[in-house]
C-alpha atoms as a PDB file:
ATOM      1  CA  UNK A   1       0.000   0.000   0.000  1.00  0.00           C
ATOM      2  CA  UNK A   2       1.539   3.285  -1.134  1.00  0.00           C
ATOM      3  CA  UNK A   3       1.325   6.237   1.186  1.00  0.00           C
ATOM      4  CA  UNK A   4       0.033   9.487  -0.251  1.00  0.00           C
ATOM      5  CA  UNK A   5       2.907  12.001  -0.626  1.00  0.00           C
ATOM      6  CA  UNK A   6       2.949  14.776   1.926  1.00  0.00           C
ATOM      7  CA  UNK A   7       2.205  18.240   0.450  1.00  0.00           C
ATOM      8  CA  UNK A   8       5.141  20.653   0.275  1.00  0.00           C
ATOM      9  CA  UNK A   9       4.211  24.283   0.888  1.00  0.00           C
ATOM     10  CA  UNK A  10       7.016  26.199  -0.834  1.00  0.00           C
ATOM     11  CA  UNK A  11       6.446  29.464   1.029  1.00  0.00           C
ATOM     12  CA  UNK A  12       6.112  27.850   4.454  1.00  0.00           C
ATOM     13  CA  UNK A  13       8.243  24.709   4.398  1.00  0.00           C
ATOM     14  CA  UNK A  14      11.325  26.350   2.867  1.00  0.00           C
ATOM     15  CA  UNK A  15      13.135  29.270   4.476  1.00  0.00           C
ATOM     16  CA  UNK A  16      14.311  30.618   1.126  1.00  0.00           C
ATOM     17  CA  UNK A  17      10.783  30.158  -0.237  1.00  0.00           C
ATOM     18  CA  UNK A  18       9.451  32.106   2.723  1.00  0.00           C
ATOM     19  CA  UNK A  19      11.904  34.943   2.029  1.00  0.00           C
ATOM     20  CA  UNK A  20      11.111  34.962  -1.696  1.00  0.00           C
ATOM     21  CA  UNK A  21       7.437  35.379  -0.818  1.00  0.00           C
ATOM     22  CA  UNK A  22       8.217  38.134   1.711  1.00  0.00           C
ATOM     23  CA  UNK A  23      10.169  40.164  -0.850  1.00  0.00           C
ATOM     24  CA  UNK A  24       7.455  39.479  -3.452  1.00  0.00           C
ATOM     25  CA  UNK A  25       4.791  40.771  -1.066  1.00  0.00           C
ATOM     26  CA  UNK A  26       6.870  43.869  -0.300  1.00  0.00           C
ATOM     27  CA  UNK A  27       6.383  44.701  -3.983  1.00  0.00           C
ATOM     28  CA  UNK A  28       2.604  44.657  -3.386  1.00  0.00           C
ATOM     29  CA  UNK A  29       1.969  41.214  -4.859  1.00  0.00           C
ATOM     30  CA  UNK A  30       0.030  38.390  -3.236  1.00  0.00           C
ATOM     31  CA  UNK A  31       1.028  34.856  -2.289  1.00  0.00           C
ATOM     32  CA  UNK A  32      -1.705  33.560  -4.601  1.00  0.00           C
ATOM     33  CA  UNK A  33      -0.194  35.565  -7.447  1.00  0.00           C
ATOM     34  CA  UNK A  34       3.271  34.100  -6.806  1.00  0.00           C
ATOM     35  CA  UNK A  35       1.912  30.554  -6.494  1.00  0.00           C
ATOM     36  CA  UNK A  36      -0.084  30.978  -9.732  1.00  0.00           C
ATOM     37  CA  UNK A  37       3.087  32.137 -11.507  1.00  0.00           C
ATOM     38  CA  UNK A  38       4.958  29.122 -10.126  1.00  0.00           C
ATOM     39  CA  UNK A  39       2.368  26.557 -11.196  1.00  0.00           C
ATOM     40  CA  UNK A  40       2.100  28.091 -14.663  1.00  0.00           C
ATOM     41  CA  UNK A  41       5.861  28.179 -15.158  1.00  0.00           C
ATOM     42  CA  UNK A  42       6.367  24.601 -13.976  1.00  0.00           C
ATOM     43  CA  UNK A  43       3.299  23.329 -15.830  1.00  0.00           C
ATOM     44  CA  UNK A  44       2.221  21.329 -12.787  1.00  0.00           C
ATOM     45  CA  UNK A  45      -0.738  21.301 -10.445  1.00  0.00           C
ATOM     46  CA  UNK A  46      -0.680  22.178  -6.766  1.00  0.00           C
ATOM     47  CA  UNK A  47      -1.154  18.532  -5.743  1.00  0.00           C
ATOM     48  CA  UNK A  48       2.123  17.673  -7.519  1.00  0.00           C
ATOM     49  CA  UNK A  49       4.068  19.858  -5.098  1.00  0.00           C
ATOM     50  CA  UNK A  50       5.031  17.287  -2.487  1.00  0.00           C
ATOM     51  CA  UNK A  51       7.992  16.468  -0.275  1.00  0.00           C
ATOM     52  CA  UNK A  52      10.587  14.221  -1.865  1.00  0.00           C
ATOM     53  CA  UNK A  53      10.986  10.995   0.159  1.00  0.00           C
ATOM     54  CA  UNK A  54      13.945  11.309   2.546  1.00  0.00           C
ATOM     55  CA  UNK A  55      16.117   8.502   1.176  1.00  0.00           C
ATOM     56  CA  UNK A  56      15.780   9.833  -2.364  1.00  0.00           C
ATOM     57  CA  UNK A  57      16.352  13.416  -1.230  1.00  0.00           C
ATOM     58  CA  UNK A  58      19.553  12.484   0.620  1.00  0.00           C
ATOM     59  CA  UNK A  59      20.905  10.767  -2.487  1.00  0.00           C
ATOM     60  CA  UNK A  60      19.997  13.669  -4.777  1.00  0.00           C
ATOM     61  CA  UNK A  61      21.399  16.291  -2.397  1.00  0.00           C
ATOM     62  CA  UNK A  62      24.784  14.664  -2.884  1.00  0.00           C
ATOM     63  CA  UNK A  63      24.653  14.312  -6.664  1.00  0.00           C
ATOM     64  CA  UNK A  64      23.062  17.643  -7.627  1.00  0.00           C
ATOM     65  CA  UNK A  65      25.591  19.876  -5.792  1.00  0.00           C
ATOM     66  CA  UNK A  66      28.383  17.903  -7.459  1.00  0.00           C
ATOM     67  CA  UNK A  67      26.765  18.505 -10.833  1.00  0.00           C
ATOM     68  CA  UNK A  68      26.305  22.214 -10.077  1.00  0.00           C
ATOM     69  CA  UNK A  69      29.953  22.590  -9.001  1.00  0.00           C
ATOM     70  CA  UNK A  70      30.970  20.951 -12.281  1.00  0.00           C
ATOM     71  CA  UNK A  71      28.925  23.500 -14.238  1.00  0.00           C
ATOM     72  CA  UNK A  72      30.563  26.310 -12.248  1.00  0.00           C
ATOM     73  CA  UNK A  73      34.053  24.909 -12.908  1.00  0.00           C
ATOM     74  CA  UNK A  74      33.323  24.677 -16.642  1.00  0.00           C
ATOM     75  CA  UNK A  75      31.716  28.133 -16.742  1.00  0.00           C
ATOM     76  CA  UNK A  76      28.435  26.564 -17.922  1.00  0.00           C
ATOM     77  CA  UNK A  77      26.264  28.683 -15.644  1.00  0.00           C
ATOM     78  CA  UNK A  78      23.091  28.517 -17.759  1.00  0.00           C
ATOM     79  CA  UNK A  79      23.152  24.742 -17.227  1.00  0.00           C
ATOM     80  CA  UNK A  80      22.546  25.408 -13.523  1.00  0.00           C
ATOM     81  CA  UNK A  81      19.272  27.161 -14.296  1.00  0.00           C
ATOM     82  CA  UNK A  82      18.278  24.375 -16.689  1.00  0.00           C
ATOM     83  CA  UNK A  83      19.028  21.718 -14.081  1.00  0.00           C
ATOM     84  CA  UNK A  84      17.094  23.505 -11.323  1.00  0.00           C
ATOM     85  CA  UNK A  85      14.073  23.919 -13.590  1.00  0.00           C
ATOM     86  CA  UNK A  86      14.229  20.271 -14.694  1.00  0.00           C
ATOM     87  CA  UNK A  87      14.260  19.199 -11.040  1.00  0.00           C
ATOM     88  CA  UNK A  88      11.285  21.430 -10.195  1.00  0.00           C
ATOM     89  CA  UNK A  89       9.310  20.247 -13.226  1.00  0.00           C
ATOM     90  CA  UNK A  90      10.080  16.560 -12.702  1.00  0.00           C
ATOM     91  CA  UNK A  91      12.070  16.316 -15.900  1.00  0.00           C
ATOM     92  CA  UNK A  92      15.416  15.419 -14.344  1.00  0.00           C
ATOM     93  CA  UNK A  93      16.998  12.140 -15.413  1.00  0.00           C
ATOM     94  CA  UNK A  94      17.820  11.401 -11.772  1.00  0.00           C
ATOM     95  CA  UNK A  95      14.274  11.898 -10.476  1.00  0.00           C
ATOM     96  CA  UNK A  96      11.338  12.226 -12.900  1.00  0.00           C
ATOM     97  CA  UNK A  97       8.879  13.618 -10.323  1.00  0.00           C
ATOM     98  CA  UNK A  98       8.481  17.359  -9.601  1.00  0.00           C
ATOM     99  CA  UNK A  99      10.790  18.167  -6.678  1.00  0.00           C
ATOM    100  CA  UNK A 100      10.330  21.830  -5.817  1.00  0.00           C
ATOM    101  CA  UNK A 101      11.618  21.135  -2.299  1.00  0.00           C
ATOM    102  CA  UNK A 102      14.974  20.065  -3.710  1.00  0.00           C
ATOM    103  CA  UNK A 103      15.069  22.989  -6.144  1.00  0.00           C
ATOM    104  CA  UNK A 104      14.505  25.496  -3.333  1.00  0.00           C
ATOM    105  CA  UNK A 105      17.112  23.794  -1.155  1.00  0.00           C
ATOM    106  CA  UNK A 106      19.652  24.059  -3.982  1.00  0.00           C
ATOM    107  CA  UNK A 107      18.699  27.708  -4.584  1.00  0.00           C
ATOM    108  CA  UNK A 108      19.275  28.362  -0.881  1.00  0.00           C
ATOM    109  CA  UNK A 109      22.658  26.627  -1.108  1.00  0.00           C
ATOM    110  CA  UNK A 110      23.635  28.784  -4.113  1.00  0.00           C
ATOM    111  CA  UNK A 111      22.275  31.977  -2.504  1.00  0.00           C
ATOM    112  CA  UNK A 112      24.382  31.508   0.622  1.00  0.00           C
ATOM    113  CA  UNK A 113      27.499  29.880  -0.771  1.00  0.00           C
ATOM    114  CA  UNK A 114      28.258  31.300  -4.185  1.00  0.00           C
ATOM    115  CA  UNK A 115      28.481  34.618  -6.004  1.00  0.00           C
ATOM    116  CA  UNK A 116      26.013  33.626  -8.709  1.00  0.00           C
ATOM    117  CA  UNK A 117      23.329  36.300  -8.494  1.00  0.00           C
ATOM    118  CA  UNK A 118      22.817  36.340 -12.275  1.00  0.00           C
ATOM    119  CA  UNK A 119      22.111  32.590 -12.186  1.00  0.00           C
ATOM    120  CA  UNK A 120      19.644  33.134  -9.337  1.00  0.00           C
ATOM    121  CA  UNK A 121      17.898  35.951 -11.221  1.00  0.00           C
ATOM    122  CA  UNK A 122      17.623  33.759 -14.317  1.00  0.00           C
ATOM    123  CA  UNK A 123      16.446  30.749 -12.308  1.00  0.00           C
ATOM    124  CA  UNK A 124      13.885  32.554 -10.154  1.00  0.00           C
ATOM    125  CA  UNK A 125      12.593  34.525 -13.144  1.00  0.00           C
ATOM    126  CA  UNK A 126      11.996  31.242 -14.991  1.00  0.00           C
ATOM    127  CA  UNK A 127      10.672  29.458 -11.897  1.00  0.00           C
ATOM    128  CA  UNK A 128       8.071  32.160 -11.291  1.00  0.00           C
ATOM    129  CA  UNK A 129       7.488  33.105 -14.939  1.00  0.00           C
ATOM    130  CA  UNK A 130       8.252  36.755 -14.305  1.00  0.00           C
ATOM    131  CA  UNK A 131      11.107  39.179 -14.737  1.00  0.00           C
ATOM    132  CA  UNK A 132      13.143  39.618 -11.558  1.00  0.00           C
ATOM    133  CA  UNK A 133      16.305  41.633 -10.909  1.00  0.00           C
ATOM    134  CA  UNK A 134      19.511  41.431  -8.932  1.00  0.00           C
ATOM    135  CA  UNK A 135      17.871  43.831  -6.494  1.00  0.00           C
ATOM    136  CA  UNK A 136      15.226  41.172  -5.786  1.00  0.00           C
ATOM    137  CA  UNK A 137      17.977  38.616  -5.036  1.00  0.00           C
ATOM    138  CA  UNK A 138      19.773  41.129  -2.787  1.00  0.00           C
ATOM    139  CA  UNK A 139      16.559  41.632  -0.804  1.00  0.00           C
ATOM    140  CA  UNK A 140      15.941  37.882  -0.506  1.00  0.00           C
ATOM    141  CA  UNK A 141      19.509  37.386   0.738  1.00  0.00           C
ATOM    142  CA  UNK A 142      19.177  40.267   3.223  1.00  0.00           C
ATOM    143  CA  UNK A 143      15.929  38.820   4.616  1.00  0.00           C
ATOM    144  CA  UNK A 144      17.510  35.373   4.792  1.00  0.00           C
ATOM    145  CA  UNK A 145      20.524  36.706   6.719  1.00  0.00           C
ATOM    146  CA  UNK A 146      18.276  38.792   8.981  1.00  0.00           C
ATOM    147  CA  UNK A 147      16.479  35.563   9.972  1.00  0.00           C
ATOM    148  CA  UNK A 148      19.692  34.161  11.440  1.00  0.00           C
ATOM    149  CA  UNK A 149      20.792  37.331  13.161  1.00  0.00           C
ATOM    150  CA  UNK A 150      17.430  37.673  14.914  1.00  0.00           C
END
């Protein structure tokens, strides 16, 4: 008997997702608006946004960072955006089920560990089917850091 996957709430269950929503709302947009953009861009339904099973997630969170570092080393930065979108849409060779939780975790890892703001702008713009700027990323990072400083 298969258990029903547990819903993943991207703006509640992910700290970076929470901060993306906060900055989005500061620009006088609603959570519903952001979620609608996300679903449209990913071409998925809300019930497809679920937590990735732990064992699978642990395996993928080893392989995907390695792949991303390889793209960075080769200067193939647009491949990072493509990979993150494939993961979110469920079109990754490693895991053919939408995994927005993993995508947001990798975005958080990039946001805090690398100087790749242009990649983040490109990725988040595609992920939310809207045009974002480096200023948006700066605000997300500032809110993220503020969370840890209290």
